[in-house]
PDB file of N, CA and C in Angstrom:
ATOM      1  N   MET A   1       0.943 -78.135  69.025  1.00  0.00           N
ATOM      2  CA  MET A   1      -0.993 -78.107  69.089  1.00  0.00           C
ATOM      3  C   MET A   1      -1.359 -77.418  69.994  1.00  0.00           C
ATOM      4  N   SER A   2      -1.754 -76.247  70.190  1.00  0.00           N
ATOM      5  CA  SER A   2      -1.899 -75.359  71.130  1.00  0.00           C
ATOM      6  C   SER A   2      -3.935 -75.963  71.395  1.00  0.00           C
ATOM      7  N   ARG A   3      -3.635 -75.286  73.052  1.00  0.00           N
ATOM      8  CA  ARG A   3      -5.560 -75.530  73.906  1.00  0.00           C
ATOM      9  C   ARG A   3      -6.518 -75.121  72.941  1.00  0.00           C
ATOM     10  N   ASP A   4      -6.264 -73.382  72.324  1.00  0.00           N
ATOM     11  CA  ASP A   4      -7.265 -73.112  71.951  1.00  0.00           C
ATOM     12  C   ASP A   4      -7.320 -73.678  70.440  1.00  0.00           C
ATOM     13  N   GLU A   5      -6.588 -73.961  69.520  1.00  0.00           N
ATOM     14  CA  GLU A   5      -6.609 -74.434  68.530  1.00  0.00           C
ATOM     15  C   GLU A   5      -7.414 -75.928  68.206  1.00  0.00           C
ATOM     16  N   VAL A   6      -7.582 -76.927  69.868  1.00  0.00           N
ATOM     17  CA  VAL A   6      -8.191 -78.322  70.090  1.00  0.00           C
ATOM     18  C   VAL A   6      -9.355 -77.546  70.566  1.00  0.00           C
ATOM     19  N   VAL A   7      -9.425 -76.277  71.166  1.00  0.00           N
ATOM     20  CA  VAL A   7     -10.354 -76.307  71.733  1.00  0.00           C
ATOM     21  C   VAL A   7     -11.609 -75.930  70.529  1.00  0.00           C
ATOM     22  N   ALA A   8     -11.222 -74.982  69.234  1.00  0.00           N
ATOM     23  CA  ALA A   8     -12.053 -74.055  68.660  1.00  0.00           C
ATOM     24  C   ALA A   8     -12.192 -75.541  66.879  1.00  0.00           C
ATOM     25  N   MET A   9     -11.598 -76.684  67.024  1.00  0.00           N
ATOM     26  CA  MET A   9     -11.834 -77.641  66.198  1.00  0.00           C
ATOM     27  C   MET A   9     -12.866 -78.215  66.861  1.00  0.00           C
ATOM     28  N   LEU A  10     -12.569 -78.907  68.568  1.00  0.00           N
ATOM     29  CA  LEU A  10     -14.133 -79.056  69.027  1.00  0.00           C
ATOM     30  C   LEU A  10     -15.789 -78.450  68.641  1.00  0.00           C
ATOM     31  N   ALA A  11     -14.947 -77.346  68.951  1.00  0.00           N
ATOM     32  CA  ALA A  11     -16.352 -76.277  69.316  1.00  0.00           C
ATOM     33  C   ALA A  11     -17.284 -75.987  67.762  1.00  0.00           C
ATOM     34  N   SER A  12     -16.600 -76.351  66.452  1.00  0.00           N
ATOM     35  CA  SER A  12     -17.490 -76.282  65.571  1.00  0.00           C
ATOM     36  C   SER A  12     -18.054 -78.045  65.287  1.00  0.00           C
ATOM     37  N   PHE A  13     -17.906 -78.776  66.142  1.00  0.00           N
ATOM     38  CA  PHE A  13     -18.349 -79.785  66.478  1.00  0.00           C
ATOM     39  C   PHE A  13     -19.601 -79.885  66.612  1.00  0.00           C
ATOM     40  N   GLY A  14     -20.841 -79.502  66.314  1.00  0.00           N
ATOM     41  CA  GLY A  14     -21.848 -79.276  66.942  1.00  0.00           C
ATOM     42  C   GLY A  14     -22.398 -77.398  66.954  1.00  0.00           C
ATOM     43  N   SER A  15     -21.386 -76.704  66.206  1.00  0.00           N
ATOM     44  CA  SER A  15     -21.401 -75.233  66.514  1.00  0.00           C
ATOM     45  C   SER A  15     -21.702 -74.211  67.616  1.00  0.00           C
ATOM     46  N   ARG A  16     -21.176 -75.048  67.970  1.00  0.00           N
ATOM     47  CA  ARG A  16     -20.977 -74.545  69.798  1.00  0.00           C
ATOM     48  C   ARG A  16     -20.132 -73.454  70.056  1.00  0.00           C
ATOM     49  N   PRO A  17     -20.347 -72.343  71.143  1.00  0.00           N
ATOM     50  CA  PRO A  17     -19.115 -72.203  71.324  1.00  0.00           C
ATOM     51  C   PRO A  17     -18.101 -72.304  71.612  1.00  0.00           C
ATOM     52  N   VAL A  18     -17.055 -71.561  71.979  1.00  0.00           N
ATOM     53  CA  VAL A  18     -15.244 -72.335  73.080  1.00  0.00           C
ATOM     54  C   VAL A  18     -15.712 -72.525  73.722  1.00  0.00           C
ATOM     55  N   ASP A  19     -16.071 -71.352  75.006  1.00  0.00           N
ATOM     56  CA  ASP A  19     -16.842 -71.781  76.341  1.00  0.00           C
ATOM     57  C   ASP A  19     -17.946 -72.813  76.612  1.00  0.00           C
ATOM     58  N   ALA A  20     -18.312 -73.292  75.399  1.00  0.00           N
ATOM     59  CA  ALA A  20     -19.464 -74.203  75.808  1.00  0.00           C
ATOM     60  C   ALA A  20     -18.791 -75.512  75.739  1.00  0.00           C
ATOM     61  N   VAL A  21     -17.309 -75.361  75.238  1.00  0.00           N
ATOM     62  CA  VAL A  21     -16.244 -76.871  75.152  1.00  0.00           C
ATOM     63  C   VAL A  21     -15.994 -77.326  76.128  1.00  0.00           C
ATOM     64  N   PRO A  22     -16.290 -78.948  76.905  1.00  0.00           N
ATOM     65  CA  PRO A  22     -15.946 -79.185  78.173  1.00  0.00           C
ATOM     66  C   PRO A  22     -14.408 -80.141  78.025  1.00  0.00           C
ATOM     67  N   GLU A  23     -14.171 -80.224  79.358  1.00  0.00           N
ATOM     68  CA  GLU A  23     -12.473 -81.104  79.213  1.00  0.00           C
ATOM     69  C   GLU A  23     -12.837 -82.048  78.528  1.00  0.00           C
ATOM     70  N   THR A  24     -13.852 -82.768  79.181  1.00  0.00           N
ATOM     71  CA  THR A  24     -13.834 -84.691  78.678  1.00  0.00           C
ATOM     72  C   THR A  24     -13.934 -84.222  77.295  1.00  0.00           C
ATOM     73  N   ILE A  25     -13.879 -85.238  76.409  1.00  0.00           N
ATOM     74  CA  ILE A  25     -14.193 -85.564  74.812  1.00  0.00           C
ATOM     75  C   ILE A  25     -14.958 -86.602  74.787  1.00  0.00           C
ATOM     76  N   ASP A  26     -16.001 -87.342  74.355  1.00  0.00           N
ATOM     77  CA  ASP A  26     -16.230 -88.744  73.711  1.00  0.00           C
ATOM     78  C   ASP A  26     -16.049 -88.538  72.654  1.00  0.00           C
ATOM     79  N   SER A  27     -16.426 -90.021  72.007  1.00  0.00           N
ATOM     80  CA  SER A  27     -15.584 -90.914  71.088  1.00  0.00           C
ATOM     81  C   SER A  27     -15.723 -90.205  70.115  1.00  0.00           C
ATOM     82  N   MET A  28     -17.219 -89.485  69.795  1.00  0.00           N
ATOM     83  CA  MET A  28     -17.717 -88.417  68.127  1.00  0.00           C
ATOM     84  C   MET A  28     -16.864 -87.578  68.188  1.00  0.00           C
ATOM     85  N   GLU A  29     -16.770 -86.760  68.974  1.00  0.00           N
ATOM     86  CA  GLU A  29     -15.930 -85.812  68.792  1.00  0.00           C
ATOM     87  C   GLU A  29     -14.072 -85.993  68.956  1.00  0.00           C
ATOM     88  N   LEU A  30     -13.475 -86.854  69.613  1.00  0.00           N
ATOM     89  CA  LEU A  30     -12.663 -87.469  69.159  1.00  0.00           C
ATOM     90  C   LEU A  30     -12.647 -87.835  67.696  1.00  0.00           C
ATOM     91  N   ALA A  31     -13.298 -88.583  67.330  1.00  0.00           N
ATOM     92  CA  ALA A  31     -13.104 -88.353  65.398  1.00  0.00           C
ATOM     93  C   ALA A  31     -13.737 -87.280  64.899  1.00  0.00           C
ATOM     94  N   TRP A  32     -14.144 -86.496  64.986  1.00  0.00           N
ATOM     95  CA  TRP A  32     -14.702 -85.284  64.800  1.00  0.00           C
ATOM     96  C   TRP A  32     -12.585 -84.042  64.821  1.00  0.00           C
ATOM     97  N   LEU A  33     -12.314 -84.491  65.523  1.00  0.00           N
ATOM     98  CA  LEU A  33     -11.427 -83.500  66.014  1.00  0.00           C
ATOM     99  C   LEU A  33      -9.547 -84.573  65.406  1.00  0.00           C
ATOM    100  N   LEU A  34      -9.572 -85.652  64.943  1.00  0.00           N
ATOM    101  CA  LEU A  34      -9.147 -86.644  64.477  1.00  0.00           C
ATOM    102  C   LEU A  34      -9.470 -86.179  62.989  1.00  0.00           C
ATOM    103  N   HIS A  35     -10.596 -86.038  62.627  1.00  0.00           N
ATOM    104  CA  HIS A  35     -10.992 -85.337  60.996  1.00  0.00           C
ATOM    105  C   HIS A  35     -10.201 -84.657  60.875  1.00  0.00           C
ATOM    106  N   GLN A  36     -10.649 -83.439  61.721  1.00  0.00           N
ATOM    107  CA  GLN A  36     -10.124 -81.930  61.403  1.00  0.00           C
ATOM    108  C   GLN A  36      -9.103 -81.304  61.816  1.00  0.00           C
ATOM    109  N   VAL A  37      -8.241 -82.626  62.288  1.00  0.00           N
ATOM    110  CA  VAL A  37      -6.061 -82.098  62.212  1.00  0.00           C
ATOM    111  C   VAL A  37      -5.760 -83.039  61.009  1.00  0.00           C
ATOM    112  N   GLU A  38      -6.518 -83.491  60.281  1.00  0.00           N
ATOM    113  CA  GLU A  38      -6.290 -84.232  58.885  1.00  0.00           C
ATOM    114  C   GLU A  38      -6.323 -83.354  58.138  1.00  0.00           C
ATOM    115  N   GLN A  39      -7.469 -82.811  58.033  1.00  0.00           N
ATOM    116  CA  GLN A  39      -8.312 -81.577  56.736  1.00  0.00           C
ATOM    117  C   GLN A  39      -7.089 -80.382  57.201  1.00  0.00           C
ATOM    118  N   ARG A  40      -6.719 -80.183  58.040  1.00  0.00           N
ATOM    119  CA  ARG A  40      -5.908 -78.727  58.682  1.00  0.00           C
ATOM    120  C   ARG A  40      -4.671 -78.463  58.737  1.00  0.00           C
ATOM    121  N   TYR A  41      -4.391 -80.302  58.326  1.00  0.00           N
ATOM    122  CA  TYR A  41      -2.377 -80.245  58.372  1.00  0.00           C
ATOM    123  C   TYR A  41      -2.164 -81.307  57.116  1.00  0.00           C
ATOM    124  N   GLY A  42      -3.142 -81.700  56.579  1.00  0.00           N
ATOM    125  CA  GLY A  42      -2.783 -82.424  55.924  1.00  0.00           C
ATOM    126  C   GLY A  42      -2.114 -83.566  56.006  1.00  0.00           C
ATOM    127  N   VAL A  43      -2.911 -84.445  57.617  1.00  0.00           N
ATOM    128  CA  VAL A  43      -1.497 -85.390  57.667  1.00  0.00           C
ATOM    129  C   VAL A  43      -2.748 -86.762  58.062  1.00  0.00           C
ATOM    130  N   ARG A  44      -2.044 -87.715  57.681  1.00  0.00           N
ATOM    131  CA  ARG A  44      -2.697 -89.152  58.150  1.00  0.00           C
ATOM    132  C   ARG A  44      -2.603 -89.394  59.733  1.00  0.00           C
ATOM    133  N   VAL A  45      -3.970 -89.193  59.979  1.00  0.00           N
ATOM    134  CA  VAL A  45      -3.970 -89.657  61.447  1.00  0.00           C
ATOM    135  C   VAL A  45      -4.859 -90.618  61.666  1.00  0.00           C
ATOM    136  N   ASP A  46      -4.373 -92.186  62.313  1.00  0.00           N
ATOM    137  CA  ASP A  46      -4.552 -93.764  62.067  1.00  0.00           C
ATOM    138  C   ASP A  46      -5.806 -93.908  63.146  1.00  0.00           C
ATOM    139  N   PRO A  47      -6.845 -93.866  63.646  1.00  0.00           N
ATOM    140  CA  PRO A  47      -7.108 -93.665  65.212  1.00  0.00           C
ATOM    141  C   PRO A  47      -7.508 -94.700  65.417  1.00  0.00           C
ATOM    142  N   ASP A  48      -7.070 -95.661  65.007  1.00  0.00           N
ATOM    143  CA  ASP A  48      -7.010 -96.538  66.036  1.00  0.00           C
ATOM    144  C   ASP A  48      -5.777 -97.165  66.171  1.00  0.00           C
ATOM    145  N   ASP A  49      -4.752 -95.964  66.036  1.00  0.00           N
ATOM    146  CA  ASP A  49      -3.537 -95.655  67.253  1.00  0.00           C
ATOM    147  C   ASP A  49      -3.995 -95.867  68.547  1.00  0.00           C
ATOM    148  N   GLY A  50      -2.846 -96.524  68.782  1.00  0.00           N
ATOM    149  CA  GLY A  50      -3.206 -96.785  70.233  1.00  0.00           C
ATOM    150  C   GLY A  50      -2.840 -95.298  71.428  1.00  0.00           C
ATOM    151  N   GLY A  51      -2.129 -94.249  70.658  1.00  0.00           N
ATOM    152  CA  GLY A  51      -1.764 -93.035  71.156  1.00  0.00           C
ATOM    153  C   GLY A  51      -2.960 -92.575  70.955  1.00  0.00           C
ATOM    154  N   TYR A  52      -3.764 -92.152  69.653  1.00  0.00           N
ATOM    155  CA  TYR A  52      -5.106 -91.281  69.678  1.00  0.00           C
ATOM    156  C   TYR A  52      -5.853 -92.287  70.852  1.00  0.00           C
ATOM    157  N   ALA A  53      -6.377 -93.536  70.735  1.00  0.00           N
ATOM    158  CA  ALA A  53      -7.246 -93.961  71.169  1.00  0.00           C
ATOM    159  C   ALA A  53      -7.785 -93.688  72.763  1.00  0.00           C
ATOM    160  N   GLY A  54      -6.604 -93.449  73.944  1.00  0.00           N
ATOM    161  CA  GLY A  54      -6.199 -92.846  74.677  1.00  0.00           C
ATOM    162  C   GLY A  54      -7.277 -91.727  75.015  1.00  0.00           C
ATOM    163  N   ILE A  55      -6.907 -91.347  73.900  1.00  0.00           N
ATOM    164  CA  ILE A  55      -7.899 -89.142  74.624  1.00  0.00           C
ATOM    165  C   ILE A  55      -8.730 -89.618  74.705  1.00  0.00           C
ATOM    166  N   SER A  56      -9.037 -88.805  76.022  1.00  0.00           N
ATOM    167  CA  SER A  56     -10.879 -88.516  76.281  1.00  0.00           C
ATOM    168  C   SER A  56     -10.924 -86.807  77.548  1.00  0.00           C
ATOM    169  N   THR A  57      -9.441 -86.301  77.324  1.00  0.00           N
ATOM    170  CA  THR A  57      -9.522 -84.703  77.846  1.00  0.00           C
ATOM    171  C   THR A  57      -9.224 -84.118  76.575  1.00  0.00           C
ATOM    172  N   VAL A  58      -9.617 -82.835  76.911  1.00  0.00           N
ATOM    173  CA  VAL A  58      -8.353 -81.321  75.657  1.00  0.00           C
ATOM    174  C   VAL A  58      -6.921 -81.490  76.335  1.00  0.00           C
ATOM    175  N   SER A  59      -6.729 -81.279  77.354  1.00  0.00           N
ATOM    176  CA  SER A  59      -5.531 -82.031  77.843  1.00  0.00           C
ATOM    177  C   SER A  59      -4.476 -82.885  77.123  1.00  0.00           C
ATOM    178  N   GLU A  60      -5.713 -83.955  77.532  1.00  0.00           N
ATOM    179  CA  GLU A  60      -4.031 -84.866  76.548  1.00  0.00           C
ATOM    180  C   GLU A  60      -4.437 -84.691  74.881  1.00  0.00           C
ATOM    181  N   ALA A  61      -5.532 -83.909  73.819  1.00  0.00           N
ATOM    182  CA  ALA A  61      -5.131 -84.353  73.451  1.00  0.00           C
ATOM    183  C   ALA A  61      -4.069 -83.156  72.830  1.00  0.00           C
ATOM    184  N   VAL A  62      -3.909 -82.203  73.425  1.00  0.00           N
ATOM    185  CA  VAL A  62      -2.950 -81.482  73.378  1.00  0.00           C
ATOM    186  C   VAL A  62      -1.668 -81.468  73.247  1.00  0.00           C
ATOM    187  N   ASP A  63      -1.477 -82.555  74.202  1.00  0.00           N
ATOM    188  CA  ASP A  63      -0.811 -83.339  74.450  1.00  0.00           C
ATOM    189  C   ASP A  63       0.292 -84.677  73.691  1.00  0.00           C
ATOM    190  N   VAL A  64      -0.899 -85.030  73.299  1.00  0.00           N
ATOM    191  CA  VAL A  64      -0.557 -86.452  72.106  1.00  0.00           C
ATOM    192  C   VAL A  64      -0.412 -85.703  71.013  1.00  0.00           C
ATOM    193  N   LEU A  65      -1.852 -84.723  70.512  1.00  0.00           N
ATOM    194  CA  LEU A  65      -1.547 -84.185  69.089  1.00  0.00           C
ATOM    195  C   LEU A  65      -0.398 -82.932  68.816  1.00  0.00           C
ATOM    196  N   GLY A  66       0.329 -82.400  69.638  1.00  0.00           N
ATOM    197  CA  GLY A  66       1.167 -81.472  70.096  1.00  0.00           C
ATOM    198  C   GLY A  66       2.403 -82.749  69.532  1.00  0.00           C
ATOM    199  N   THR A  67       2.344 -83.657  70.106  1.00  0.00           N
ATOM    200  CA  THR A  67       3.266 -84.494  69.865  1.00  0.00           C
ATOM    201  C   THR A  67       4.126 -85.447  69.029  1.00  0.00           C
ATOM    202  N   ARG A  68       3.061 -85.603  68.337  1.00  0.00           N
ATOM    203  CA  ARG A  68       2.664 -86.746  67.151  1.00  0.00           C
ATOM    204  C   ARG A  68       2.911 -85.221  65.956  1.00  0.00           C
ATOM    205  N   LEU A  69       2.288 -83.946  66.138  1.00  0.00           N
ATOM    206  CA  LEU A  69       2.424 -82.688  65.194  1.00  0.00           C
ATOM    207  C   LEU A  69       3.650 -82.434  65.288  1.00  0.00           C
ATOM    208  N   GLY A  70       4.622 -82.042  66.028  1.00  0.00           N
ATOM    209  CA  GLY A  70       5.604 -81.382  66.572  1.00  0.00           C
ATOM    210  C   GLY A  70       5.722 -80.392  66.188  1.00  0.00           C
ATOM    211  N   ARG A  71       4.201 -79.743  67.337  1.00  0.00           N
ATOM    212  CA  ARG A  71       3.758 -78.667  67.845  1.00  0.00           C
ATOM    213  C   ARG A  71       3.504 -78.638  68.522  1.00  0.00           C
ATOM    214  N   SER A  72       3.678 -77.533  69.548  1.00  0.00           N
ATOM    215  CA  SER A  72       3.761 -77.521  70.849  1.00  0.00           C
ATOM    216  C   SER A  72       2.885 -76.349  71.299  1.00  0.00           C
ATOM    217  N   GLY A  73       1.706 -76.173  72.372  1.00  0.00           N
ATOM    218  CA  GLY A  73       1.156 -74.799  72.802  1.00  0.00           C
ATOM    219  C   GLY A  73       0.669 -74.970  73.995  1.00  0.00           C
TER     220      GLY A  73
END
């Protein structure tokens, strides 16, 4: 999963431009991101999974989601 994909999904939360997405991710943004991943890739993402709960930056999201989904970028 590429950084551009993660940033684009986060930008759709609040309808903001991609350049307005900060590096840090709050809990609502994380919930939105995980929901978007489920919708886009047709996978079940358990937000209570310890690997997802620790995501607090865009870079961490790219690493964790890329690893879990078998996609890197």
